[in-house]
Amino acid sequence: MPPSLSPARRRTRFSTLLEKHREFLPELFIVSDVNLTAPTAATIAIEARHARESGLPAARGGWRWVPKLSVTSHGEVCPRCEEALNS
């Protein structure tokens, strides 16, 4: 069995893992956006806020609030919906 990691080392490894997969986190957590900050306390904190506080536009017909909407024949959609419509 490997030796136990210190709490600080676990936080660092977890933060590194989150950063590595940053672009996939909104899909994983089923949210519009994820902001990561370096852990400074003894624990890693998670904060959730409504996306309208971010100032991002809401995609019509969907739940995502994204930095940029794409104009299609179906109206303004998020990039993920645009990709699905074009496939």
Protein backbone atom coordinates (compact mmCIF):
# COMPACT_ATOMS: atom_id res chain seq x y z
CA MET A 1 0.00 0.00 0.00
CA PRO A 2 1.45 3.44 -0.93
CA PRO A 3 2.15 5.88 1.87
CA SER A 4 -0.60 8.38 2.64
CA LEU A 5 -0.33 11.83 1.13
CA SER A 6 -0.44 14.88 3.33
CA PRO A 7 -3.60 17.01 3.10
CA ALA A 8 -1.64 19.77 1.37
CA ARG A 9 -0.31 17.33 -1.24
CA ARG A 10 -3.82 15.92 -1.83
CA ARG A 11 -5.14 19.46 -2.43
CA THR A 12 -2.32 20.15 -4.87
CA ARG A 13 -2.94 16.92 -6.79
CA PHE A 14 -6.70 17.51 -6.87
CA SER A 15 -6.21 21.10 -8.06
CA THR A 16 -3.83 19.89 -10.77
CA LEU A 17 -6.37 17.31 -11.91
CA LEU A 18 -9.15 19.92 -12.08
CA GLU A 19 -6.92 22.32 -14.00
CA LYS A 20 -5.94 19.59 -16.46
CA HIS A 21 -9.60 18.91 -17.26
CA ARG A 22 -10.85 22.50 -16.93
CA GLU A 23 -12.57 22.59 -20.34
CA PHE A 24 -14.71 19.54 -19.47
CA LEU A 25 -15.76 20.63 -15.98
CA PRO A 26 -18.92 22.53 -17.00
CA GLU A 27 -20.25 19.37 -18.67
CA LEU A 28 -19.19 17.17 -15.74
CA PHE A 29 -20.82 19.41 -13.14
CA ILE A 30 -23.79 20.29 -15.41
CA VAL A 31 -23.18 24.02 -15.11
CA SER A 32 -22.51 26.81 -17.57
CA ASP A 33 -19.09 27.85 -16.33
CA VAL A 34 -16.43 26.78 -13.84
CA ASN A 35 -13.80 29.10 -12.36
CA LEU A 36 -10.84 27.55 -10.61
CA THR A 37 -8.72 29.28 -8.01
CA ALA A 38 -5.69 27.96 -6.18
CA PRO A 39 -6.55 26.43 -2.80
CA THR A 40 -5.16 28.49 0.05
CA ALA A 41 -6.98 27.07 3.06
CA ALA A 42 -7.00 23.64 4.64
CA THR A 43 -9.84 22.57 2.35
CA ILE A 44 -10.98 23.11 -1.21
CA ALA A 45 -14.16 25.18 -1.35
CA ILE A 46 -16.89 25.02 -3.98
CA GLU A 47 -19.12 27.98 -4.66
CA ALA A 48 -22.16 27.97 -6.94
CA ARG A 49 -23.87 31.05 -8.33
CA HIS A 50 -26.56 31.57 -10.93
CA ALA A 51 -25.02 32.12 -14.35
CA ARG A 52 -26.81 35.43 -14.85
CA GLU A 53 -24.39 36.89 -12.28
CA SER A 54 -21.54 36.16 -14.70
CA GLY A 55 -22.91 38.49 -17.36
CA LEU A 56 -22.88 35.71 -19.97
CA PRO A 57 -25.71 35.49 -22.50
CA ALA A 58 -28.22 32.65 -22.16
CA ALA A 59 -28.69 30.29 -25.07
CA ARG A 60 -32.31 30.16 -26.27
CA GLY A 61 -33.84 26.73 -25.93
CA GLY A 62 -31.08 25.49 -23.67
CA TRP A 63 -29.79 25.88 -20.16
CA ARG A 64 -26.25 27.04 -20.89
CA TRP A 65 -24.92 30.55 -20.42
CA VAL A 66 -21.80 30.88 -22.58
CA PRO A 67 -19.33 33.63 -23.54
CA LYS A 68 -20.45 33.66 -27.18
CA LEU A 69 -23.60 32.48 -28.95
CA SER A 70 -23.68 31.37 -32.58
CA VAL A 71 -26.36 32.63 -34.95
CA THR A 72 -27.99 29.76 -36.86
CA SER A 73 -31.20 29.20 -38.78
CA HIS A 74 -32.56 27.94 -35.44
CA GLY A 75 -31.71 31.19 -33.65
CA GLU A 76 -28.86 31.93 -31.28
CA VAL A 77 -27.43 28.74 -29.81
CA CYS A 78 -24.44 27.72 -27.73
CA PRO A 79 -21.41 26.19 -29.49
CA ARG A 80 -22.36 22.68 -28.34
CA CYS A 81 -25.86 22.98 -29.86
CA GLU A 82 -24.41 24.47 -33.04
CA GLU A 83 -22.12 21.45 -33.38
CA ALA A 84 -25.08 19.10 -32.90
CA LEU A 85 -27.19 21.00 -35.44
CA ASN A 86 -24.39 20.85 -38.02
CA SER A 87 -23.68 17.15 -37.63
